[in-house]
Amino acid sequence: MAINVYDSAYDLEKAVRGSDEYMLLKKIYEEVNADDSARTMFENFRNIQMQLQQKQMAGQEIAQDEVDQAQKAVALVQQHEKISKLMEAEQRMSMLISELNQIIMKPLEELYGNIENQ
């Protein structure tokens, strides 16, 4: 009997939503959004981050003043306790997703690894 990969993917989605990493991220994200100053600071940080990523993806040069602005924004959000906790929770969630991706990609790595070794 063939496994329905999509059913497994939806099961994985439910597992991610129920994970400690996601629950903590959601809780802290809600705390940041409930705090007007934290939310504004975090949104500003994210906007700067997205602008730089878009420029980088478009192959545009990032000006020194933009780098300076980004560094100041990073320093500012790292000093804010709630945002700092949110960024730590995001990092843990990112690590979980990365580990899951490695597991998902394992059959392809084994397949192509075997071809290269023959």
PDB file of N, CA and C in Angstrom:
ATOM      1  N   MET A   1       0.846  -1.189   0.000  1.00  0.00           N
ATOM      2  CA  MET A   1       0.000   0.000   0.000  1.00  0.00           C
ATOM      3  C   MET A   1       0.882   1.239   0.000  1.00  0.00           C
ATOM      4  N   ALA A   2       0.630   2.129  -0.913  1.00  0.00           N
ATOM      5  CA  ALA A   2       1.426   3.348  -1.024  1.00  0.00           C
ATOM      6  C   ALA A   2       1.036   4.335   0.077  1.00  0.00           C
ATOM      7  N   ILE A   3       2.030   5.031   0.535  1.00  0.00           N
ATOM      8  CA  ILE A   3       1.810   6.047   1.563  1.00  0.00           C
ATOM      9  C   ILE A   3       1.420   7.346   0.872  1.00  0.00           C
ATOM     10  N   ASN A   4       0.381   8.001   1.379  1.00  0.00           N
ATOM     11  CA  ASN A   4       0.015   9.308   0.850  1.00  0.00           C
ATOM     12  C   ASN A   4       0.914  10.345   1.520  1.00  0.00           C
ATOM     13  N   VAL A   5       1.851  10.865   0.755  1.00  0.00           N
ATOM     14  CA  VAL A   5       2.848  11.784   1.312  1.00  0.00           C
ATOM     15  C   VAL A   5       2.183  13.055   1.836  1.00  0.00           C
ATOM     16  N   TYR A   6       1.105  13.466   1.200  1.00  0.00           N
ATOM     17  CA  TYR A   6       0.431  14.688   1.625  1.00  0.00           C
ATOM     18  C   TYR A   6      -0.220  14.515   2.993  1.00  0.00           C
ATOM     19  N   ASP A   7      -0.780  13.330   3.242  1.00  0.00           N
ATOM     20  CA  ASP A   7      -1.331  13.061   4.570  1.00  0.00           C
ATOM     21  C   ASP A   7      -0.222  13.140   5.614  1.00  0.00           C
ATOM     22  N   SER A   8       0.926  12.572   5.291  1.00  0.00           N
ATOM     23  CA  SER A   8       2.072  12.631   6.208  1.00  0.00           C
ATOM     24  C   SER A   8       2.524  14.070   6.418  1.00  0.00           C
ATOM     25  N   ALA A   9       2.494  14.861   5.351  1.00  0.00           N
ATOM     26  CA  ALA A   9       2.901  16.270   5.458  1.00  0.00           C
ATOM     27  C   ALA A   9       1.950  17.034   6.378  1.00  0.00           C
ATOM     28  N   TYR A  10       0.647  16.773   6.247  1.00  0.00           N
ATOM     29  CA  TYR A  10      -0.315  17.442   7.129  1.00  0.00           C
ATOM     30  C   TYR A  10      -0.163  16.968   8.574  1.00  0.00           C
ATOM     31  N   ASP A  11       0.175  15.703   8.760  1.00  0.00           N
ATOM     32  CA  ASP A  11       0.464  15.206  10.109  1.00  0.00           C
ATOM     33  C   ASP A  11       1.683  15.916  10.683  1.00  0.00           C
ATOM     34  N   LEU A  12       2.689  16.123   9.843  1.00  0.00           N
ATOM     35  CA  LEU A  12       3.892  16.834  10.278  1.00  0.00           C
ATOM     36  C   LEU A  12       3.555  18.275  10.642  1.00  0.00           C
ATOM     37  N   GLU A  13       2.689  18.908   9.845  1.00  0.00           N
ATOM     38  CA  GLU A  13       2.269  20.278  10.161  1.00  0.00           C
ATOM     39  C   GLU A  13       1.626  20.334  11.545  1.00  0.00           C
ATOM     40  N   LYS A  14       0.743  19.385  11.830  1.00  0.00           N
ATOM     41  CA  LYS A  14       0.090  19.336  13.140  1.00  0.00           C
ATOM     42  C   LYS A  14       1.119  19.129  14.245  1.00  0.00           C
ATOM     43  N   ALA A  15       2.101  18.279  13.987  1.00  0.00           N
ATOM     44  CA  ALA A  15       3.146  18.021  14.981  1.00  0.00           C
ATOM     45  C   ALA A  15       3.974  19.278  15.233  1.00  0.00           C
ATOM     46  N   VAL A  16       4.267  20.022  14.172  1.00  0.00           N
ATOM     47  CA  VAL A  16       5.028  21.271  14.331  1.00  0.00           C
ATOM     48  C   VAL A  16       4.212  22.253  15.164  1.00  0.00           C
ATOM     49  N   ARG A  17       2.920  22.386  14.850  1.00  0.00           N
ATOM     50  CA  ARG A  17       2.056  23.300  15.614  1.00  0.00           C
ATOM     51  C   ARG A  17       1.974  22.903  17.093  1.00  0.00           C
ATOM     52  N   GLY A  18       2.097  21.629  17.382  1.00  0.00           N
ATOM     53  CA  GLY A  18       2.031  21.158  18.759  1.00  0.00           C
ATOM     54  C   GLY A  18       3.377  21.086  19.454  1.00  0.00           C
ATOM     55  N   SER A  19       4.438  21.409  18.729  1.00  0.00           N
ATOM     56  CA  SER A  19       5.784  21.301  19.316  1.00  0.00           C
ATOM     57  C   SER A  19       6.040  22.398  20.344  1.00  0.00           C
ATOM     58  N   ASP A  20       6.921  22.105  21.286  1.00  0.00           N
ATOM     59  CA  ASP A  20       7.310  23.093  22.292  1.00  0.00           C
ATOM     60  C   ASP A  20       7.887  24.340  21.634  1.00  0.00           C
ATOM     61  N   GLU A  21       8.676  24.136  20.581  1.00  0.00           N
ATOM     62  CA  GLU A  21       9.319  25.259  19.896  1.00  0.00           C
ATOM     63  C   GLU A  21       8.279  26.211  19.309  1.00  0.00           C
ATOM     64  N   TYR A  22       7.270  25.653  18.649  1.00  0.00           N
ATOM     65  CA  TYR A  22       6.237  26.491  18.039  1.00  0.00           C
ATOM     66  C   TYR A  22       5.380  27.170  19.101  1.00  0.00           C
ATOM     67  N   MET A  23       4.996  26.418  20.122  1.00  0.00           N
ATOM     68  CA  MET A  23       4.144  26.980  21.177  1.00  0.00           C
ATOM     69  C   MET A  23       4.837  28.150  21.870  1.00  0.00           C
ATOM     70  N   LEU A  24       6.129  28.001  22.131  1.00  0.00           N
ATOM     71  CA  LEU A  24       6.882  29.087  22.757  1.00  0.00           C
ATOM     72  C   LEU A  24       6.977  30.281  21.814  1.00  0.00           C
ATOM     73  N   LEU A  25       7.281  30.027  20.550  1.00  0.00           N
ATOM     74  CA  LEU A  25       7.370  31.104  19.563  1.00  0.00           C
ATOM     75  C   LEU A  25       6.051  31.867  19.484  1.00  0.00           C
ATOM     76  N   LYS A  26       4.952  31.149  19.418  1.00  0.00           N
ATOM     77  CA  LYS A  26       3.632  31.779  19.324  1.00  0.00           C
ATOM     78  C   LYS A  26       3.341  32.635  20.554  1.00  0.00           C
ATOM     79  N   LYS A  27       3.647  32.112  21.728  1.00  0.00           N
ATOM     80  CA  LYS A  27       3.408  32.837  22.983  1.00  0.00           C
ATOM     81  C   LYS A  27       4.209  34.137  23.011  1.00  0.00           C
ATOM     82  N   ILE A  28       5.488  34.054  22.692  1.00  0.00           N
ATOM     83  CA  ILE A  28       6.337  35.245  22.736  1.00  0.00           C
ATOM     84  C   ILE A  28       5.939  36.230  21.639  1.00  0.00           C
ATOM     85  N   TYR A  29       5.577  35.725  20.464  1.00  0.00           N
ATOM     86  CA  TYR A  29       5.136  36.594  19.368  1.00  0.00           C
ATOM     87  C   TYR A  29       3.895  37.386  19.787  1.00  0.00           C
ATOM     88  N   GLU A  30       2.968  36.724  20.461  1.00  0.00           N
ATOM     89  CA  GLU A  30       1.760  37.397  20.944  1.00  0.00           C
ATOM     90  C   GLU A  30       2.109  38.445  21.997  1.00  0.00           C
ATOM     91  N   GLU A  31       3.093  38.162  22.845  1.00  0.00           N
ATOM     92  CA  GLU A  31       3.532  39.137  23.849  1.00  0.00           C
ATOM     93  C   GLU A  31       4.136  40.371  23.183  1.00  0.00           C
ATOM     94  N   VAL A  32       4.942  40.159  22.161  1.00  0.00           N
ATOM     95  CA  VAL A  32       5.547  41.286  21.442  1.00  0.00           C
ATOM     96  C   VAL A  32       4.455  42.116  20.775  1.00  0.00           C
ATOM     97  N   ASN A  33       3.482  41.459  20.154  1.00  0.00           N
ATOM     98  CA  ASN A  33       2.405  42.185  19.479  1.00  0.00           C
ATOM     99  C   ASN A  33       1.489  42.924  20.441  1.00  0.00           C
ATOM    100  N   ALA A  34       1.402  42.469  21.675  1.00  0.00           N
ATOM    101  CA  ALA A  34       0.571  43.133  22.677  1.00  0.00           C
ATOM    102  C   ALA A  34       1.247  44.380  23.243  1.00  0.00           C
ATOM    103  N   ASP A  35       2.542  44.518  23.031  1.00  0.00           N
ATOM    104  CA  ASP A  35       3.326  45.658  23.530  1.00  0.00           C
ATOM    105  C   ASP A  35       3.579  46.604  22.351  1.00  0.00           C
ATOM    106  N   ASP A  36       2.917  47.775  22.371  1.00  0.00           N
ATOM    107  CA  ASP A  36       2.998  48.700  21.231  1.00  0.00           C
ATOM    108  C   ASP A  36       4.423  49.068  20.851  1.00  0.00           C
ATOM    109  N   SER A  37       5.248  49.390  21.831  1.00  0.00           N
ATOM    110  CA  SER A  37       6.620  49.810  21.504  1.00  0.00           C
ATOM    111  C   SER A  37       7.429  48.635  20.956  1.00  0.00           C
ATOM    112  N   ALA A  38       7.243  47.461  21.534  1.00  0.00           N
ATOM    113  CA  ALA A  38       7.963  46.277  21.050  1.00  0.00           C
ATOM    114  C   ALA A  38       7.508  45.921  19.639  1.00  0.00           C
ATOM    115  N   ARG A  39       6.192  45.982  19.413  1.00  0.00           N
ATOM    116  CA  ARG A  39       5.665  45.653  18.088  1.00  0.00           C
ATOM    117  C   ARG A  39       6.209  46.615  17.025  1.00  0.00           C
ATOM    118  N   THR A  40       6.196  47.909  17.323  1.00  0.00           N
ATOM    119  CA  THR A  40       6.696  48.909  16.379  1.00  0.00           C
ATOM    120  C   THR A  40       8.174  48.693  16.093  1.00  0.00           C
ATOM    121  N   MET A  41       8.945  48.446  17.130  1.00  0.00           N
ATOM    122  CA  MET A  41      10.383  48.228  16.978  1.00  0.00           C
ATOM    123  C   MET A  41      10.652  46.963  16.151  1.00  0.00           C
ATOM    124  N   PHE A  42       9.896  45.915  16.444  1.00  0.00           N
ATOM    125  CA  PHE A  42      10.075  44.651  15.730  1.00  0.00           C
ATOM    126  C   PHE A  42       9.675  44.791  14.259  1.00  0.00           C
ATOM    127  N   GLU A  43       8.559  45.475  14.000  1.00  0.00           N
ATOM    128  CA  GLU A  43       8.124  45.693  12.613  1.00  0.00           C
ATOM    129  C   GLU A  43       9.162  46.492  11.835  1.00  0.00           C
ATOM    130  N   ASN A  44       9.727  47.510  12.470  1.00  0.00           N
ATOM    131  CA  ASN A  44      10.767  48.315  11.828  1.00  0.00           C
ATOM    132  C   ASN A  44      11.978  47.444  11.493  1.00  0.00           C
ATOM    133  N   PHE A  45      12.380  46.620  12.436  1.00  0.00           N
ATOM    134  CA  PHE A  45      13.504  45.712  12.226  1.00  0.00           C
ATOM    135  C   PHE A  45      13.223  44.770  11.055  1.00  0.00           C
ATOM    136  N   ARG A  46      12.036  44.172  11.036  1.00  0.00           N
ATOM    137  CA  ARG A  46      11.668  43.245   9.959  1.00  0.00           C
ATOM    138  C   ARG A  46      11.635  43.955   8.601  1.00  0.00           C
ATOM    139  N   ASN A  47      11.130  45.190   8.574  1.00  0.00           N
ATOM    140  CA  ASN A  47      11.083  45.938   7.314  1.00  0.00           C
ATOM    141  C   ASN A  47      12.482  46.195   6.774  1.00  0.00           C
ATOM    142  N   ILE A  48      13.385  46.596   7.642  1.00  0.00           N
ATOM    143  CA  ILE A  48      14.773  46.833   7.230  1.00  0.00           C
ATOM    144  C   ILE A  48      15.377  45.533   6.706  1.00  0.00           C
ATOM    145  N   GLN A  49      15.148  44.457   7.431  1.00  0.00           N
ATOM    146  CA  GLN A  49      15.663  43.139   7.053  1.00  0.00           C
ATOM    147  C   GLN A  49      15.132  42.718   5.678  1.00  0.00           C
ATOM    148  N   MET A  50      13.836  42.893   5.450  1.00  0.00           N
ATOM    149  CA  MET A  50      13.235  42.493   4.174  1.00  0.00           C
ATOM    150  C   MET A  50      13.739  43.364   3.021  1.00  0.00           C
ATOM    151  N   GLN A  51      13.904  44.655   3.261  1.00  0.00           N
ATOM    152  CA  GLN A  51      14.415  45.541   2.213  1.00  0.00           C
ATOM    153  C   GLN A  51      15.812  45.115   1.781  1.00  0.00           C
ATOM    154  N   LEU A  52      16.657  44.802   2.755  1.00  0.00           N
ATOM    155  CA  LEU A  52      18.021  44.380   2.428  1.00  0.00           C
ATOM    156  C   LEU A  52      18.020  43.038   1.694  1.00  0.00           C
ATOM    157  N   GLN A  53      17.173  42.112   2.112  1.00  0.00           N
ATOM    158  CA  GLN A  53      17.090  40.815   1.442  1.00  0.00           C
ATOM    159  C   GLN A  53      16.607  40.965   0.001  1.00  0.00           C
ATOM    160  N   GLN A  54      15.631  41.843  -0.210  1.00  0.00           N
ATOM    161  CA  GLN A  54      15.122  42.064  -1.565  1.00  0.00           C
ATOM    162  C   GLN A  54      16.204  42.653  -2.461  1.00  0.00           C
ATOM    163  N   LYS A  55      16.955  43.618  -1.928  1.00  0.00           N
ATOM    164  CA  LYS A  55      18.045  44.209  -2.711  1.00  0.00           C
ATOM    165  C   LYS A  55      19.089  43.149  -3.046  1.00  0.00           C
ATOM    166  N   GLN A  56      19.428  42.349  -2.058  1.00  0.00           N
ATOM    167  CA  GLN A  56      20.435  41.310  -2.243  1.00  0.00           C
ATOM    168  C   GLN A  56      19.979  40.295  -3.292  1.00  0.00           C
ATOM    169  N   MET A  57      18.726  39.882  -3.222  1.00  0.00           N
ATOM    170  CA  MET A  57      18.190  38.913  -4.178  1.00  0.00           C
ATOM    171  C   MET A  57      18.114  39.499  -5.588  1.00  0.00           C
ATOM    172  N   ALA A  58      17.933  40.815  -5.679  1.00  0.00           N
ATOM    173  CA  ALA A  58      17.865  41.478  -6.982  1.00  0.00           C
ATOM    174  C   ALA A  58      19.257  41.793  -7.523  1.00  0.00           C
ATOM    175  N   GLY A  59      20.278  41.477  -6.727  1.00  0.00           N
ATOM    176  CA  GLY A  59      21.650  41.728  -7.158  1.00  0.00           C
ATOM    177  C   GLY A  59      22.063  43.179  -7.037  1.00  0.00           C
ATOM    178  N   GLN A  60      21.305  43.945  -6.260  1.00  0.00           N
ATOM    179  CA  GLN A  60      21.623  45.358  -6.060  1.00  0.00           C
ATOM    180  C   GLN A  60      22.629  45.508  -4.926  1.00  0.00           C
ATOM    181  N   GLU A  61      23.436  46.533  -5.044  1.00  0.00           N
ATOM    182  CA  GLU A  61      24.432  46.798  -4.012  1.00  0.00           C
ATOM    183  C   GLU A  61      23.754  47.427  -2.798  1.00  0.00           C
ATOM    184  N   ILE A  62      24.200  47.013  -1.631  1.00  0.00           N
ATOM    185  CA  ILE A  62      23.672  47.565  -0.385  1.00  0.00           C
ATOM    186  C   ILE A  62      24.631  48.656   0.073  1.00  0.00           C
ATOM    187  N   ALA A  63      24.081  49.858   0.241  1.00  0.00           N
ATOM    188  CA  ALA A  63      24.893  51.018   0.612  1.00  0.00           C
ATOM    189  C   ALA A  63      25.335  50.920   2.066  1.00  0.00           C
ATOM    190  N   GLN A  64      26.429  51.574   2.381  1.00  0.00           N
ATOM    191  CA  GLN A  64      26.976  51.540   3.737  1.00  0.00           C
ATOM    192  C   GLN A  64      25.984  52.101   4.754  1.00  0.00           C
ATOM    193  N   ASP A  65      25.245  53.150   4.380  1.00  0.00           N
ATOM    194  CA  ASP A  65      24.273  53.713   5.326  1.00  0.00           C
ATOM    195  C   ASP A  65      23.150  52.715   5.622  1.00  0.00           C
ATOM    196  N   GLU A  66      22.815  51.860   4.655  1.00  0.00           N
ATOM    197  CA  GLU A  66      21.816  50.822   4.887  1.00  0.00           C
ATOM    198  C   GLU A  66      22.361  49.745   5.826  1.00  0.00           C
ATOM    199  N   VAL A  67      23.627  49.416   5.663  1.00  0.00           N
ATOM    200  CA  VAL A  67      24.283  48.454   6.560  1.00  0.00           C
ATOM    201  C   VAL A  67      24.310  49.018   7.974  1.00  0.00           C
ATOM    202  N   ASP A  68      24.673  50.293   8.093  1.00  0.00           N
ATOM    203  CA  ASP A  68      24.714  50.948   9.409  1.00  0.00           C
ATOM    204  C   ASP A  68      23.334  50.960  10.058  1.00  0.00           C
ATOM    205  N   GLN A  69      22.316  51.279   9.261  1.00  0.00           N
ATOM    206  CA  GLN A  69      20.944  51.310   9.767  1.00  0.00           C
ATOM    207  C   GLN A  69      20.527  49.920  10.260  1.00  0.00           C
ATOM    208  N   ALA A  70      20.874  48.898   9.512  1.00  0.00           N
ATOM    209  CA  ALA A  70      20.533  47.525   9.892  1.00  0.00           C
ATOM    210  C   ALA A  70      21.248  47.128  11.179  1.00  0.00           C
ATOM    211  N   GLN A  71      22.520  47.494  11.298  1.00  0.00           N
ATOM    212  CA  GLN A  71      23.280  47.158  12.507  1.00  0.00           C
ATOM    213  C   GLN A  71      22.696  47.854  13.733  1.00  0.00           C
ATOM    214  N   LYS A  72      22.266  49.099  13.563  1.00  0.00           N
ATOM    215  CA  LYS A  72      21.640  49.827  14.676  1.00  0.00           C
ATOM    216  C   LYS A  72      20.320  49.168  15.066  1.00  0.00           C
ATOM    217  N   ALA A  73      19.557  48.756  14.071  1.00  0.00           N
ATOM    218  CA  ALA A  73      18.274  48.101  14.346  1.00  0.00           C
ATOM    219  C   ALA A  73      18.483  46.782  15.086  1.00  0.00           C
ATOM    220  N   VAL A  74      19.495  46.023  14.678  1.00  0.00           N
ATOM    221  CA  VAL A  74      19.808  44.753  15.350  1.00  0.00           C
ATOM    222  C   VAL A  74      20.195  45.011  16.801  1.00  0.00           C
ATOM    223  N   ALA A  75      21.070  45.986  17.008  1.00  0.00           N
ATOM    224  CA  ALA A  75      21.511  46.309  18.370  1.00  0.00           C
ATOM    225  C   ALA A  75      20.327  46.731  19.233  1.00  0.00           C
ATOM    226  N   LEU A  76      19.420  47.498  18.641  1.00  0.00           N
ATOM    227  CA  LEU A  76      18.259  47.989  19.377  1.00  0.00           C
ATOM    228  C   LEU A  76      17.323  46.847  19.773  1.00  0.00           C
ATOM    229  N   VAL A  77      17.003  45.965  18.837  1.00  0.00           N
ATOM    230  CA  VAL A  77      16.073  44.878  19.162  1.00  0.00           C
ATOM    231  C   VAL A  77      16.701  43.861  20.111  1.00  0.00           C
ATOM    232  N   GLN A  78      18.014  43.696  20.038  1.00  0.00           N
ATOM    233  CA  GLN A  78      18.676  42.758  20.952  1.00  0.00           C
ATOM    234  C   GLN A  78      18.639  43.259  22.393  1.00  0.00           C
ATOM    235  N   GLN A  79      18.508  44.567  22.558  1.00  0.00           N
ATOM    236  CA  GLN A  79      18.441  45.132  23.908  1.00  0.00           C
ATOM    237  C   GLN A  79      17.034  45.047  24.493  1.00  0.00           C
ATOM    238  N   HIS A  80      16.041  44.843  23.641  1.00  0.00           N
ATOM    239  CA  HIS A  80      14.658  44.739  24.104  1.00  0.00           C
ATOM    240  C   HIS A  80      14.405  43.287  24.515  1.00  0.00           C
ATOM    241  N   GLU A  81      14.081  43.077  25.770  1.00  0.00           N
ATOM    242  CA  GLU A  81      13.974  41.720  26.315  1.00  0.00           C
ATOM    243  C   GLU A  81      12.972  40.847  25.560  1.00  0.00           C
ATOM    244  N   LYS A  82      11.782  41.380  25.293  1.00  0.00           N
ATOM    245  CA  LYS A  82      10.757  40.572  24.616  1.00  0.00           C
ATOM    246  C   LYS A  82      11.183  40.209  23.196  1.00  0.00           C
ATOM    247  N   ILE A  83      11.737  41.184  22.482  1.00  0.00           N
ATOM    248  CA  ILE A  83      12.141  40.921  21.098  1.00  0.00           C
ATOM    249  C   ILE A  83      13.332  39.972  21.065  1.00  0.00           C
ATOM    250  N   SER A  84      14.230  40.132  22.002  1.00  0.00           N
ATOM    251  CA  SER A  84      15.382  39.237  22.085  1.00  0.00           C
ATOM    252  C   SER A  84      14.921  37.795  22.313  1.00  0.00           C
ATOM    253  N   LYS A  85      13.946  37.622  23.195  1.00  0.00           N
ATOM    254  CA  LYS A  85      13.390  36.283  23.439  1.00  0.00           C
ATOM    255  C   LYS A  85      12.700  35.747  22.189  1.00  0.00           C
ATOM    256  N   LEU A  86      12.006  36.636  21.468  1.00  0.00           N
ATOM    257  CA  LEU A  86      11.339  36.224  20.234  1.00  0.00           C
ATOM    258  C   LEU A  86      12.361  35.752  19.208  1.00  0.00           C
ATOM    259  N   MET A  87      13.450  36.478  19.077  1.00  0.00           N
ATOM    260  CA  MET A  87      14.485  36.104  18.115  1.00  0.00           C
ATOM    261  C   MET A  87      15.129  34.767  18.490  1.00  0.00           C
ATOM    262  N   GLU A  88      15.305  34.523  19.778  1.00  0.00           N
ATOM    263  CA  GLU A  88      15.836  33.233  20.230  1.00  0.00           C
ATOM    264  C   GLU A  88      14.856  32.105  19.897  1.00  0.00           C
ATOM    265  N   ALA A  89      13.567  32.368  20.116  1.00  0.00           N
ATOM    266  CA  ALA A  89      12.546  31.357  19.812  1.00  0.00           C
ATOM    267  C   ALA A  89      12.472  31.109  18.306  1.00  0.00           C
ATOM    268  N   GLU A  90      12.625  32.173  17.511  1.00  0.00           N
ATOM    269  CA  GLU A  90      12.656  32.016  16.048  1.00  0.00           C
ATOM    270  C   GLU A  90      13.837  31.145  15.631  1.00  0.00           C
ATOM    271  N   GLN A  91      14.969  31.352  16.278  1.00  0.00           N
ATOM    272  CA  GLN A  91      16.165  30.571  15.956  1.00  0.00           C
ATOM    273  C   GLN A  91      15.950  29.091  16.267  1.00  0.00           C
ATOM    274  N   ARG A  92      15.333  28.807  17.417  1.00  0.00           N
ATOM    275  CA  ARG A  92      15.046  27.412  17.774  1.00  0.00           C
ATOM    276  C   ARG A  92      14.065  26.784  16.774  1.00  0.00           C
ATOM    277  N   MET A  93      13.071  27.565  16.359  1.00  0.00           N
ATOM    278  CA  MET A  93      12.100  27.065  15.384  1.00  0.00           C
ATOM    279  C   MET A  93      12.783  26.814  14.046  1.00  0.00           C
ATOM    280  N   SER A  94      13.661  27.695  13.662  1.00  0.00           N
ATOM    281  CA  SER A  94      14.407  27.544  12.413  1.00  0.00           C
ATOM    282  C   SER A  94      15.274  26.284  12.448  1.00  0.00           C
ATOM    283  N   MET A  95      15.883  26.008  13.590  1.00  0.00           N
ATOM    284  CA  MET A  95      16.696  24.799  13.736  1.00  0.00           C
ATOM    285  C   MET A  95      15.827  23.549  13.599  1.00  0.00           C
ATOM    286  N   LEU A  96      14.637  23.584  14.191  1.00  0.00           N
ATOM    287  CA  LEU A  96      13.717  22.451  14.088  1.00  0.00           C
ATOM    288  C   LEU A  96      13.340  22.213  12.627  1.00  0.00           C
ATOM    289  N   ILE A  97      12.978  23.278  11.918  1.00  0.00           N
ATOM    290  CA  ILE A  97      12.595  23.161  10.505  1.00  0.00           C
ATOM    291  C   ILE A  97      13.767  22.624   9.684  1.00  0.00           C
ATOM    292  N   SER A  98      14.963  23.096   9.980  1.00  0.00           N
ATOM    293  CA  SER A  98      16.154  22.631   9.270  1.00  0.00           C
ATOM    294  C   SER A  98      16.387  21.136   9.503  1.00  0.00           C
ATOM    295  N   GLU A  99      16.220  20.694  10.743  1.00  0.00           N
ATOM    296  CA  GLU A  99      16.387  19.273  11.056  1.00  0.00           C
ATOM    297  C   GLU A  99      15.319  18.430  10.362  1.00  0.00           C
ATOM    298  N   LEU A 100      14.087  18.938  10.331  1.00  0.00           N
ATOM    299  CA  LEU A 100      13.017  18.219   9.633  1.00  0.00           C
ATOM    300  C   LEU A 100      13.315  18.144   8.139  1.00  0.00           C
ATOM    301  N   ASN A 101      13.828  19.215   7.583  1.00  0.00           N
ATOM    302  CA  ASN A 101      14.185  19.235   6.165  1.00  0.00           C
ATOM    303  C   ASN A 101      15.261  18.189   5.860  1.00  0.00           C
ATOM    304  N   GLN A 102      16.232  18.054   6.757  1.00  0.00           N
ATOM    305  CA  GLN A 102      17.274  17.043   6.560  1.00  0.00           C
ATOM    306  C   GLN A 102      16.672  15.641   6.539  1.00  0.00           C
ATOM    307  N   ILE A 103      15.720  15.404   7.424  1.00  0.00           N
ATOM    308  CA  ILE A 103      15.063  14.096   7.477  1.00  0.00           C
ATOM    309  C   ILE A 103      14.273  13.857   6.191  1.00  0.00           C
ATOM    310  N   ILE A 104      13.539  14.870   5.745  1.00  0.00           N
ATOM    311  CA  ILE A 104      12.725  14.744   4.533  1.00  0.00           C
ATOM    312  C   ILE A 104      13.598  14.500   3.307  1.00  0.00           C
ATOM    313  N   MET A 105      14.740  15.136   3.249  1.00  0.00           N
ATOM    314  CA  MET A 105      15.619  15.038   2.082  1.00  0.00           C
ATOM    315  C   MET A 105      16.517  13.802   2.100  1.00  0.00           C
ATOM    316  N   LYS A 106      16.516  13.054   3.195  1.00  0.00           N
ATOM    317  CA  LYS A 106      17.411  11.907   3.337  1.00  0.00           C
ATOM    318  C   LYS A 106      17.290  10.883   2.204  1.00  0.00           C
ATOM    319  N   PRO A 107      16.091  10.518   1.753  1.00  0.00           N
ATOM    320  CA  PRO A 107      16.020   9.546   0.647  1.00  0.00           C
ATOM    321  C   PRO A 107      16.731  10.033  -0.616  1.00  0.00           C
ATOM    322  N   LEU A 108      16.599  11.306  -0.935  1.00  0.00           N
ATOM    323  CA  LEU A 108      17.271  11.836  -2.125  1.00  0.00           C
ATOM    324  C   LEU A 108      18.778  11.877  -1.943  1.00  0.00           C
ATOM    325  N   GLU A 109      19.207  12.247  -0.745  1.00  0.00           N
ATOM    326  CA  GLU A 109      20.649  12.265  -0.470  1.00  0.00           C
ATOM    327  C   GLU A 109      21.227  10.860  -0.587  1.00  0.00           C
ATOM    328  N   GLU A 110      20.498   9.874  -0.067  1.00  0.00           N
ATOM    329  CA  GLU A 110      20.968   8.488  -0.161  1.00  0.00           C
ATOM    330  C   GLU A 110      20.992   8.024  -1.613  1.00  0.00           C
ATOM    331  N   LEU A 111      19.955   8.369  -2.357  1.00  0.00           N
ATOM    332  CA  LEU A 111      19.877   7.966  -3.757  1.00  0.00           C
ATOM    333  C   LEU A 111      21.024   8.560  -4.561  1.00  0.00           C
ATOM    334  N   TYR A 112      21.194   9.849  -4.480  1.00  0.00           N
ATOM    335  CA  TYR A 112      22.244  10.495  -5.263  1.00  0.00           C
ATOM    336  C   TYR A 112      23.626  10.217  -4.696  1.00  0.00           C
ATOM    337  N   GLY A 113      23.706   9.993  -3.403  1.00  0.00           N
ATOM    338  CA  GLY A 113      24.982   9.613  -2.805  1.00  0.00           C
ATOM    339  C   GLY A 113      25.426   8.257  -3.305  1.00  0.00           C
ATOM    340  N   ASN A 114      24.470   7.323  -3.455  1.00  0.00           N
ATOM    341  CA  ASN A 114      24.781   5.985  -3.979  1.00  0.00           C
ATOM    342  C   ASN A 114      25.213   6.045  -5.430  1.00  0.00           C
ATOM    343  N   ILE A 115      24.617   6.909  -6.218  1.00  0.00           N
ATOM    344  CA  ILE A 115      24.996   7.049  -7.629  1.00  0.00           C
ATOM    345  C   ILE A 115      26.422   7.571  -7.736  1.00  0.00           C
ATOM    346  N   GLU A 116      26.754   8.546  -6.908  1.00  0.00           N
ATOM    347  CA  GLU A 116      28.100   9.127  -6.945  1.00  0.00           C
ATOM    348  C   GLU A 116      29.160   8.127  -6.512  1.00  0.00           C
ATOM    349  N   ASN A 117      28.794   7.202  -5.623  1.00  0.00           N
ATOM    350  CA  ASN A 117      29.759   6.229  -5.110  1.00  0.00           C
ATOM    351  C   ASN A 117      29.930   5.016  -6.023  1.00  0.00           C
ATOM    352  N   GLN A 118      29.133   4.898  -7.068  1.00  0.00           N
ATOM    353  CA  GLN A 118      29.222   3.721  -7.952  1.00  0.00           C
ATOM    354  C   GLN A 118      30.230   3.921  -9.050  1.00  0.00           C
TER     355      GLN A 118
END
